[in-house]
C-alpha cells in the first residue's frame, strides 16, 4: 500500500492526476474525469474542510456502529476496492464539474495531508468510523485514490 504521507508518493500521484484530460474515459463507471476528481476529494474534505462537521450531519450511534463494524474493514483494509463498488450517497458527484478546479482541489488536499503527516492522523476521529490510526487514514486515502486513478488509466 502506498504511503500518502511520503512526499515522493504524493508527487507521483499528482503527476498521475495531471495526466487526466476532459476527454479521458473511464474503464468502468459513469463519472467523467472532473467528477471523479471531485469524488476522490470527498474523504479529504472530512479533514481539510474546517466546516465539514457543521455542514455534514454525523451518522447516529446505531449507523456509526454498523459502519464501523461492517464497512470500515473494507474501506481501510488492505484489499483493493472492486470495480463498480457502491459508494456513500454523500460521495456521489452527478453534476458537471470543471476539471481544472477539481484538479487543484485534490492536489491541494493531497499536499495538505502529506504536510500534516502521520502524527496529525494518529487517533484522529473519522466522521463515520470513529477514531482511526494513521495507517487506517493512509489506507482510506491511498486505496480510494488508486482505485479511481486506475479507473481512468493513469
N, C-alpha and C. Protein backbone atom coordinates (compact mmCIF):
# COMPACT_ATOMS: atom_id res chain seq x y z
N UNK A 1 0.85 -1.18 0.00
CA UNK A 1 0.00 0.00 0.00
C UNK A 1 0.89 1.24 0.00
N UNK A 2 0.53 2.20 -0.83
CA UNK A 2 1.29 3.45 -0.87
C UNK A 2 1.21 4.18 0.47
N UNK A 3 2.24 4.95 0.77
CA UNK A 3 2.25 5.78 1.97
C UNK A 3 1.98 7.21 1.54
N UNK A 4 0.75 7.67 1.72
CA UNK A 4 0.37 9.00 1.26
C UNK A 4 1.05 10.12 2.06
N UNK A 5 1.72 9.76 3.13
CA UNK A 5 2.45 10.75 3.92
C UNK A 5 3.88 10.94 3.38
N UNK A 6 4.27 10.16 2.40
CA UNK A 6 5.60 10.24 1.78
C UNK A 6 5.55 11.22 0.60
N UNK A 7 6.45 12.19 0.59
CA UNK A 7 6.46 13.22 -0.45
C UNK A 7 6.56 12.64 -1.85
N UNK A 8 7.41 11.62 -2.06
CA UNK A 8 7.58 11.06 -3.40
C UNK A 8 6.29 10.38 -3.88
N UNK A 9 5.54 9.78 -2.98
CA UNK A 9 4.26 9.16 -3.34
C UNK A 9 3.27 10.25 -3.74
N UNK A 10 3.24 11.32 -2.98
CA UNK A 10 2.35 12.44 -3.33
C UNK A 10 2.70 13.01 -4.69
N UNK A 11 3.98 13.21 -4.94
CA UNK A 11 4.41 13.75 -6.23
C UNK A 11 4.01 12.82 -7.37
N UNK A 12 4.14 11.52 -7.17
CA UNK A 12 3.76 10.55 -8.21
C UNK A 12 2.25 10.60 -8.45
N UNK A 13 1.46 10.71 -7.39
CA UNK A 13 0.01 10.80 -7.55
C UNK A 13 -0.40 12.09 -8.24
N UNK A 14 0.25 13.19 -7.91
CA UNK A 14 -0.03 14.47 -8.57
C UNK A 14 0.31 14.36 -10.06
N UNK A 15 1.42 13.72 -10.40
CA UNK A 15 1.78 13.54 -11.81
C UNK A 15 0.71 12.73 -12.54
N UNK A 16 0.18 11.71 -11.89
CA UNK A 16 -0.89 10.92 -12.49
C UNK A 16 -2.15 11.77 -12.69
N UNK A 17 -2.48 12.55 -11.69
CA UNK A 17 -3.66 13.43 -11.79
C UNK A 17 -3.49 14.42 -12.93
N UNK A 18 -2.27 14.93 -13.10
CA UNK A 18 -2.01 15.90 -14.16
C UNK A 18 -2.09 15.29 -15.56
N UNK A 19 -2.11 13.98 -15.68
CA UNK A 19 -2.28 13.32 -16.98
C UNK A 19 -3.74 13.30 -17.43
N UNK A 20 -4.65 13.53 -16.50
CA UNK A 20 -6.08 13.50 -16.85
C UNK A 20 -6.44 14.69 -17.73
N UNK A 21 -7.31 14.42 -18.70
CA UNK A 21 -7.87 15.48 -19.53
C UNK A 21 -9.39 15.37 -19.46
N UNK A 22 -10.07 16.35 -20.02
CA UNK A 22 -11.53 16.33 -20.04
C UNK A 22 -12.06 15.17 -20.89
N UNK A 23 -11.21 14.65 -21.77
CA UNK A 23 -11.66 13.56 -22.64
C UNK A 23 -11.17 12.18 -22.18
N UNK A 24 -10.44 12.13 -21.06
CA UNK A 24 -10.01 10.83 -20.54
C UNK A 24 -11.24 10.03 -20.14
N UNK A 25 -11.36 8.83 -20.68
CA UNK A 25 -12.53 7.99 -20.45
C UNK A 25 -12.26 6.97 -19.34
N UNK A 26 -13.27 6.70 -18.53
CA UNK A 26 -13.11 5.66 -17.50
C UNK A 26 -13.17 4.27 -18.11
N UNK A 27 -12.48 3.34 -17.48
CA UNK A 27 -12.52 1.94 -17.92
C UNK A 27 -13.77 1.26 -17.39
N UNK A 28 -14.41 1.85 -16.40
CA UNK A 28 -15.70 1.39 -15.88
C UNK A 28 -16.36 2.58 -15.20
N UNK A 29 -17.64 2.48 -14.95
CA UNK A 29 -18.35 3.51 -14.20
C UNK A 29 -18.88 4.63 -15.07
N UNK A 30 -19.55 5.58 -14.41
CA UNK A 30 -20.29 6.64 -15.10
C UNK A 30 -19.66 8.02 -15.01
N UNK A 31 -18.73 8.22 -14.08
CA UNK A 31 -18.17 9.56 -13.88
C UNK A 31 -17.22 9.95 -15.00
N UNK A 32 -17.17 11.27 -15.28
CA UNK A 32 -16.11 11.78 -16.15
C UNK A 32 -14.92 12.17 -15.26
N UNK A 33 -13.83 12.62 -15.86
CA UNK A 33 -12.62 12.86 -15.07
C UNK A 33 -12.80 13.97 -14.04
N UNK A 34 -13.53 15.03 -14.36
CA UNK A 34 -13.75 16.11 -13.38
C UNK A 34 -14.61 15.62 -12.21
N UNK A 35 -15.65 14.85 -12.51
CA UNK A 35 -16.49 14.29 -11.45
C UNK A 35 -15.69 13.34 -10.56
N UNK A 36 -14.82 12.55 -11.18
CA UNK A 36 -14.01 11.61 -10.40
C UNK A 36 -13.09 12.37 -9.44
N UNK A 37 -12.46 13.44 -9.91
CA UNK A 37 -11.58 14.21 -9.03
C UNK A 37 -12.37 14.84 -7.89
N UNK A 38 -13.58 15.32 -8.18
CA UNK A 38 -14.44 15.85 -7.11
C UNK A 38 -14.79 14.75 -6.12
N UNK A 39 -15.06 13.56 -6.64
CA UNK A 39 -15.41 12.42 -5.79
C UNK A 39 -14.24 12.01 -4.89
N UNK A 40 -13.03 11.92 -5.44
CA UNK A 40 -11.90 11.50 -4.60
C UNK A 40 -11.50 12.57 -3.59
N UNK A 41 -11.96 13.79 -3.78
CA UNK A 41 -11.72 14.84 -2.79
C UNK A 41 -12.59 14.68 -1.55
N UNK A 42 -13.69 13.97 -1.67
CA UNK A 42 -14.66 13.87 -0.56
C UNK A 42 -14.04 13.36 0.74
N UNK A 43 -13.28 12.27 0.75
CA UNK A 43 -12.68 11.84 2.03
C UNK A 43 -11.69 12.87 2.59
N UNK A 44 -10.98 13.56 1.71
CA UNK A 44 -10.04 14.58 2.16
C UNK A 44 -10.77 15.75 2.81
N UNK A 45 -11.97 16.07 2.30
CA UNK A 45 -12.74 17.18 2.85
C UNK A 45 -13.09 16.94 4.32
N UNK A 46 -13.22 15.67 4.72
CA UNK A 46 -13.51 15.37 6.12
C UNK A 46 -12.46 15.96 7.05
N UNK A 47 -11.22 16.02 6.59
CA UNK A 47 -10.13 16.51 7.43
C UNK A 47 -9.61 17.88 7.01
N UNK A 48 -9.78 18.25 5.75
CA UNK A 48 -9.24 19.52 5.26
C UNK A 48 -10.23 20.68 5.35
N UNK A 49 -11.52 20.38 5.39
CA UNK A 49 -12.54 21.42 5.46
C UNK A 49 -12.91 21.65 6.92
N UNK A 50 -12.54 22.81 7.48
CA UNK A 50 -12.84 23.05 8.90
C UNK A 50 -14.34 23.10 9.20
N UNK A 51 -15.17 23.29 8.19
CA UNK A 51 -16.62 23.36 8.39
C UNK A 51 -17.32 22.05 8.09
N UNK A 52 -16.56 20.98 7.84
CA UNK A 52 -17.18 19.71 7.44
C UNK A 52 -18.21 19.23 8.47
N UNK A 53 -17.86 19.24 9.72
CA UNK A 53 -18.77 18.77 10.77
C UNK A 53 -20.03 19.60 10.87
N UNK A 54 -19.94 20.88 10.55
CA UNK A 54 -21.12 21.75 10.62
C UNK A 54 -22.04 21.57 9.42
N UNK A 55 -21.47 21.17 8.29
CA UNK A 55 -22.27 21.04 7.07
C UNK A 55 -22.67 19.61 6.75
N UNK A 56 -22.11 18.64 7.46
CA UNK A 56 -22.43 17.23 7.24
C UNK A 56 -22.84 16.59 8.56
N UNK A 57 -24.07 16.17 8.62
CA UNK A 57 -24.58 15.56 9.85
C UNK A 57 -23.87 14.23 10.11
N UNK A 58 -23.41 14.06 11.32
CA UNK A 58 -22.75 12.81 11.72
C UNK A 58 -23.82 11.71 11.82
N UNK A 59 -23.52 10.51 11.33
CA UNK A 59 -24.50 9.42 11.46
C UNK A 59 -24.82 9.16 12.94
N UNK A 60 -26.04 8.69 13.20
CA UNK A 60 -26.40 8.40 14.59
C UNK A 60 -25.59 7.21 15.09
N UNK A 61 -25.67 6.95 16.38
CA UNK A 61 -24.83 5.93 17.03
C UNK A 61 -25.02 4.54 16.43
N UNK A 62 -26.24 4.17 16.11
CA UNK A 62 -26.50 2.85 15.54
C UNK A 62 -25.86 2.73 14.16
N UNK A 63 -26.06 3.74 13.33
CA UNK A 63 -25.47 3.73 11.98
C UNK A 63 -23.95 3.73 12.07
N UNK A 64 -23.38 4.54 12.96
CA UNK A 64 -21.92 4.57 13.13
C UNK A 64 -21.40 3.20 13.55
N UNK A 65 -22.12 2.53 14.46
CA UNK A 65 -21.71 1.19 14.87
C UNK A 65 -21.69 0.24 13.68
N UNK A 66 -22.74 0.28 12.87
CA UNK A 66 -22.82 -0.60 11.69
C UNK A 66 -21.73 -0.26 10.67
N UNK A 67 -21.50 1.02 10.45
CA UNK A 67 -20.45 1.43 9.51
C UNK A 67 -19.08 0.96 10.00
N UNK A 68 -18.83 1.16 11.29
CA UNK A 68 -17.54 0.77 11.87
C UNK A 68 -17.35 -0.75 11.81
N UNK A 69 -18.40 -1.47 12.09
CA UNK A 69 -18.33 -2.94 12.16
C UNK A 69 -18.21 -3.59 10.78
N UNK A 70 -18.98 -3.10 9.81
CA UNK A 70 -19.07 -3.79 8.53
C UNK A 70 -18.39 -3.08 7.36
N UNK A 71 -18.43 -1.76 7.33
CA UNK A 71 -17.86 -1.04 6.19
C UNK A 71 -16.41 -0.63 6.40
N UNK A 72 -16.07 -0.23 7.60
CA UNK A 72 -14.71 0.24 7.88
C UNK A 72 -13.64 -0.77 7.47
N UNK A 73 -13.79 -2.08 7.78
CA UNK A 73 -12.75 -3.03 7.36
C UNK A 73 -12.54 -3.07 5.84
N UNK A 74 -13.59 -2.84 5.09
CA UNK A 74 -13.48 -2.81 3.63
C UNK A 74 -12.78 -1.54 3.18
N UNK A 75 -13.16 -0.42 3.78
CA UNK A 75 -12.63 0.88 3.37
C UNK A 75 -11.16 1.04 3.75
N UNK A 76 -10.76 0.60 4.93
CA UNK A 76 -9.39 0.85 5.40
C UNK A 76 -8.51 -0.40 5.40
N UNK A 77 -9.06 -1.54 5.03
CA UNK A 77 -8.28 -2.77 4.97
C UNK A 77 -7.36 -2.80 3.76
N UNK A 78 -6.51 -3.81 3.64
CA UNK A 78 -5.51 -3.87 2.58
C UNK A 78 -6.06 -4.27 1.20
N UNK A 79 -7.21 -4.89 1.14
CA UNK A 79 -7.75 -5.39 -0.13
C UNK A 79 -8.24 -4.23 -1.01
N UNK A 80 -7.84 -4.21 -2.30
CA UNK A 80 -8.31 -3.15 -3.21
C UNK A 80 -9.83 -3.18 -3.37
N UNK A 81 -10.39 -2.03 -3.70
CA UNK A 81 -11.82 -1.95 -3.94
C UNK A 81 -12.17 -2.66 -5.25
N UNK A 82 -13.34 -3.25 -5.29
CA UNK A 82 -13.83 -3.88 -6.51
C UNK A 82 -14.32 -2.80 -7.47
N UNK A 83 -14.22 -3.08 -8.77
CA UNK A 83 -14.76 -2.15 -9.77
C UNK A 83 -16.26 -2.03 -9.55
N UNK A 84 -16.78 -0.84 -9.82
CA UNK A 84 -18.21 -0.54 -9.68
C UNK A 84 -18.73 -0.75 -8.27
N UNK A 85 -17.88 -0.57 -7.26
CA UNK A 85 -18.31 -0.67 -5.87
C UNK A 85 -19.32 0.44 -5.57
N UNK A 86 -20.24 0.16 -4.68
CA UNK A 86 -21.20 1.19 -4.25
C UNK A 86 -20.46 2.21 -3.40
N UNK A 87 -20.97 3.42 -3.44
CA UNK A 87 -20.37 4.50 -2.65
C UNK A 87 -21.43 5.13 -1.77
N UNK A 88 -20.98 5.80 -0.75
CA UNK A 88 -21.90 6.51 0.14
C UNK A 88 -22.62 7.60 -0.65
N UNK A 89 -23.91 7.77 -0.42
CA UNK A 89 -24.68 8.77 -1.18
C UNK A 89 -24.06 10.17 -1.14
N UNK A 90 -23.48 10.55 0.00
CA UNK A 90 -22.90 11.89 0.09
C UNK A 90 -21.59 12.03 -0.70
N UNK A 91 -21.06 10.93 -1.19
CA UNK A 91 -19.84 10.98 -2.00
C UNK A 91 -20.14 10.93 -3.50
N UNK A 92 -21.40 10.79 -3.88
CA UNK A 92 -21.77 10.74 -5.29
C UNK A 92 -21.69 12.15 -5.88
N UNK A 93 -21.03 12.25 -7.02
CA UNK A 93 -20.92 13.52 -7.74
C UNK A 93 -21.56 13.30 -9.11
N UNK A 94 -22.77 13.82 -9.28
CA UNK A 94 -23.51 13.62 -10.52
C UNK A 94 -23.56 14.89 -11.37
N UNK A 95 -23.34 16.05 -10.75
CA UNK A 95 -23.39 17.30 -11.50
C UNK A 95 -22.09 17.51 -12.26
N UNK A 96 -22.12 18.38 -13.25
CA UNK A 96 -20.92 18.67 -14.03
C UNK A 96 -19.95 19.49 -13.19
N UNK A 97 -18.68 19.21 -13.36
CA UNK A 97 -17.62 19.92 -12.65
C UNK A 97 -16.59 20.44 -13.65
N UNK A 98 -15.79 21.39 -13.21
CA UNK A 98 -14.71 21.95 -14.03
C UNK A 98 -13.43 21.21 -13.67
N UNK A 99 -12.82 20.58 -14.67
CA UNK A 99 -11.65 19.73 -14.43
C UNK A 99 -10.54 20.46 -13.68
N UNK A 100 -10.17 21.64 -14.13
CA UNK A 100 -9.04 22.34 -13.51
C UNK A 100 -9.34 22.74 -12.07
N UNK A 101 -10.57 23.08 -11.77
CA UNK A 101 -10.96 23.40 -10.40
C UNK A 101 -10.82 22.18 -9.51
N UNK A 102 -11.31 21.04 -9.99
CA UNK A 102 -11.26 19.80 -9.21
C UNK A 102 -9.84 19.27 -9.10
N UNK A 103 -9.05 19.45 -10.16
CA UNK A 103 -7.64 19.03 -10.12
C UNK A 103 -6.90 19.80 -9.03
N UNK A 104 -7.08 21.12 -9.01
CA UNK A 104 -6.42 21.95 -7.99
C UNK A 104 -6.88 21.54 -6.59
N UNK A 105 -8.17 21.30 -6.42
CA UNK A 105 -8.70 20.95 -5.10
C UNK A 105 -8.06 19.66 -4.58
N UNK A 106 -8.03 18.60 -5.40
CA UNK A 106 -7.49 17.33 -4.91
C UNK A 106 -5.98 17.43 -4.68
N UNK A 107 -5.28 18.15 -5.54
CA UNK A 107 -3.83 18.31 -5.35
C UNK A 107 -3.56 19.08 -4.05
N UNK A 108 -4.33 20.12 -3.80
CA UNK A 108 -4.18 20.86 -2.53
C UNK A 108 -4.43 19.95 -1.34
N UNK A 109 -5.46 19.12 -1.42
CA UNK A 109 -5.77 18.19 -0.32
C UNK A 109 -4.63 17.18 -0.11
N UNK A 110 -4.13 16.62 -1.20
CA UNK A 110 -3.04 15.64 -1.11
C UNK A 110 -1.82 16.28 -0.43
N UNK A 111 -1.48 17.48 -0.86
CA UNK A 111 -0.33 18.18 -0.29
C UNK A 111 -0.55 18.54 1.18
N UNK A 112 -1.76 18.93 1.54
CA UNK A 112 -2.05 19.28 2.93
C UNK A 112 -1.92 18.06 3.84
N UNK A 113 -2.50 16.94 3.42
CA UNK A 113 -2.44 15.72 4.23
C UNK A 113 -0.98 15.28 4.40
N UNK A 114 -0.21 15.34 3.33
CA UNK A 114 1.20 14.96 3.41
C UNK A 114 1.95 15.89 4.37
N UNK A 115 1.67 17.19 4.29
CA UNK A 115 2.36 18.16 5.16
C UNK A 115 2.00 17.94 6.63
N UNK A 116 0.76 17.59 6.91
CA UNK A 116 0.36 17.31 8.29
C UNK A 116 1.09 16.09 8.83
N UNK A 117 1.26 15.07 8.01
CA UNK A 117 2.00 13.88 8.41
C UNK A 117 1.22 12.93 9.30
N UNK A 118 1.87 11.82 9.63
CA UNK A 118 1.20 10.74 10.37
C UNK A 118 0.77 11.17 11.77
N UNK A 119 1.55 12.00 12.43
CA UNK A 119 1.21 12.39 13.81
C UNK A 119 -0.15 13.08 13.88
N UNK A 120 -0.46 13.86 12.86
CA UNK A 120 -1.75 14.57 12.82
C UNK A 120 -2.92 13.58 12.74
N UNK A 121 -2.69 12.44 12.11
CA UNK A 121 -3.79 11.49 11.86
C UNK A 121 -3.88 10.36 12.88
N UNK A 122 -2.86 10.18 13.68
CA UNK A 122 -2.90 9.11 14.68
C UNK A 122 -3.96 9.43 15.73
N UNK A 123 -4.98 8.58 15.81
CA UNK A 123 -6.07 8.79 16.77
C UNK A 123 -7.08 9.84 16.35
N UNK A 124 -7.01 10.28 15.09
CA UNK A 124 -7.94 11.31 14.59
C UNK A 124 -9.31 10.68 14.33
N UNK A 125 -10.34 11.42 14.69
CA UNK A 125 -11.72 10.95 14.53
C UNK A 125 -12.15 11.04 13.07
N UNK A 126 -12.80 9.99 12.60
CA UNK A 126 -13.42 9.97 11.28
C UNK A 126 -14.92 10.15 11.48
N UNK A 127 -15.51 10.96 10.64
CA UNK A 127 -16.93 11.32 10.74
C UNK A 127 -17.84 10.10 10.82
N UNK A 128 -17.51 9.05 10.09
CA UNK A 128 -18.36 7.85 10.02
C UNK A 128 -17.84 6.67 10.82
N UNK A 129 -16.51 6.53 10.93
CA UNK A 129 -15.91 5.33 11.51
C UNK A 129 -15.36 5.52 12.91
N UNK A 130 -15.37 6.73 13.43
CA UNK A 130 -14.80 6.98 14.75
C UNK A 130 -13.29 7.16 14.68
N UNK A 131 -12.64 6.96 15.79
CA UNK A 131 -11.19 7.16 15.89
C UNK A 131 -10.47 6.14 15.02
N UNK A 132 -9.49 6.64 14.24
CA UNK A 132 -8.71 5.77 13.37
C UNK A 132 -7.23 6.01 13.59
N UNK A 133 -6.44 5.01 13.23
CA UNK A 133 -4.98 5.14 13.27
C UNK A 133 -4.52 5.88 12.02
N UNK A 134 -3.29 6.36 12.05
CA UNK A 134 -2.70 7.00 10.87
C UNK A 134 -2.65 6.01 9.71
N UNK A 135 -2.38 4.73 10.00
CA UNK A 135 -2.34 3.72 8.94
C UNK A 135 -3.72 3.55 8.29
N UNK A 136 -4.77 3.58 9.10
CA UNK A 136 -6.12 3.47 8.55
C UNK A 136 -6.47 4.68 7.69
N UNK A 137 -6.08 5.87 8.13
CA UNK A 137 -6.29 7.06 7.30
C UNK A 137 -5.50 6.93 5.99
N UNK A 138 -4.26 6.48 6.10
CA UNK A 138 -3.44 6.28 4.91
C UNK A 138 -4.15 5.34 3.94
N UNK A 139 -4.61 4.21 4.45
CA UNK A 139 -5.26 3.22 3.59
C UNK A 139 -6.51 3.80 2.93
N UNK A 140 -7.30 4.54 3.69
CA UNK A 140 -8.51 5.15 3.14
C UNK A 140 -8.15 6.05 1.96
N UNK A 141 -7.21 6.97 2.16
CA UNK A 141 -6.83 7.90 1.11
C UNK A 141 -6.15 7.19 -0.06
N UNK A 142 -5.18 6.34 0.24
CA UNK A 142 -4.38 5.68 -0.80
C UNK A 142 -5.23 4.74 -1.65
N UNK A 143 -6.04 3.91 -1.01
CA UNK A 143 -6.87 2.96 -1.76
C UNK A 143 -7.88 3.66 -2.65
N UNK A 144 -8.51 4.69 -2.13
CA UNK A 144 -9.54 5.39 -2.89
C UNK A 144 -8.93 6.09 -4.09
N UNK A 145 -7.80 6.76 -3.88
CA UNK A 145 -7.13 7.44 -4.98
C UNK A 145 -6.64 6.44 -6.02
N UNK A 146 -6.01 5.37 -5.58
CA UNK A 146 -5.51 4.35 -6.51
C UNK A 146 -6.65 3.74 -7.32
N UNK A 147 -7.75 3.45 -6.67
CA UNK A 147 -8.91 2.86 -7.34
C UNK A 147 -9.39 3.75 -8.49
N UNK A 148 -9.53 5.04 -8.22
CA UNK A 148 -10.09 5.92 -9.24
C UNK A 148 -9.08 6.39 -10.27
N UNK A 149 -7.81 6.55 -9.89
CA UNK A 149 -6.83 6.86 -10.93
C UNK A 149 -6.67 5.67 -11.86
N UNK A 150 -6.71 4.46 -11.30
CA UNK A 150 -6.70 3.26 -12.13
C UNK A 150 -7.93 3.16 -13.02
N UNK A 151 -9.06 3.59 -12.50
CA UNK A 151 -10.30 3.59 -13.28
C UNK A 151 -10.13 4.41 -14.56
N UNK A 152 -9.34 5.46 -14.48
CA UNK A 152 -9.12 6.34 -15.63
C UNK A 152 -7.79 6.06 -16.34
N UNK A 153 -7.14 4.98 -15.97
CA UNK A 153 -5.95 4.53 -16.70
C UNK A 153 -4.73 5.41 -16.54
N UNK A 154 -4.66 6.15 -15.44
CA UNK A 154 -3.46 6.99 -15.23
C UNK A 154 -2.70 6.52 -14.00
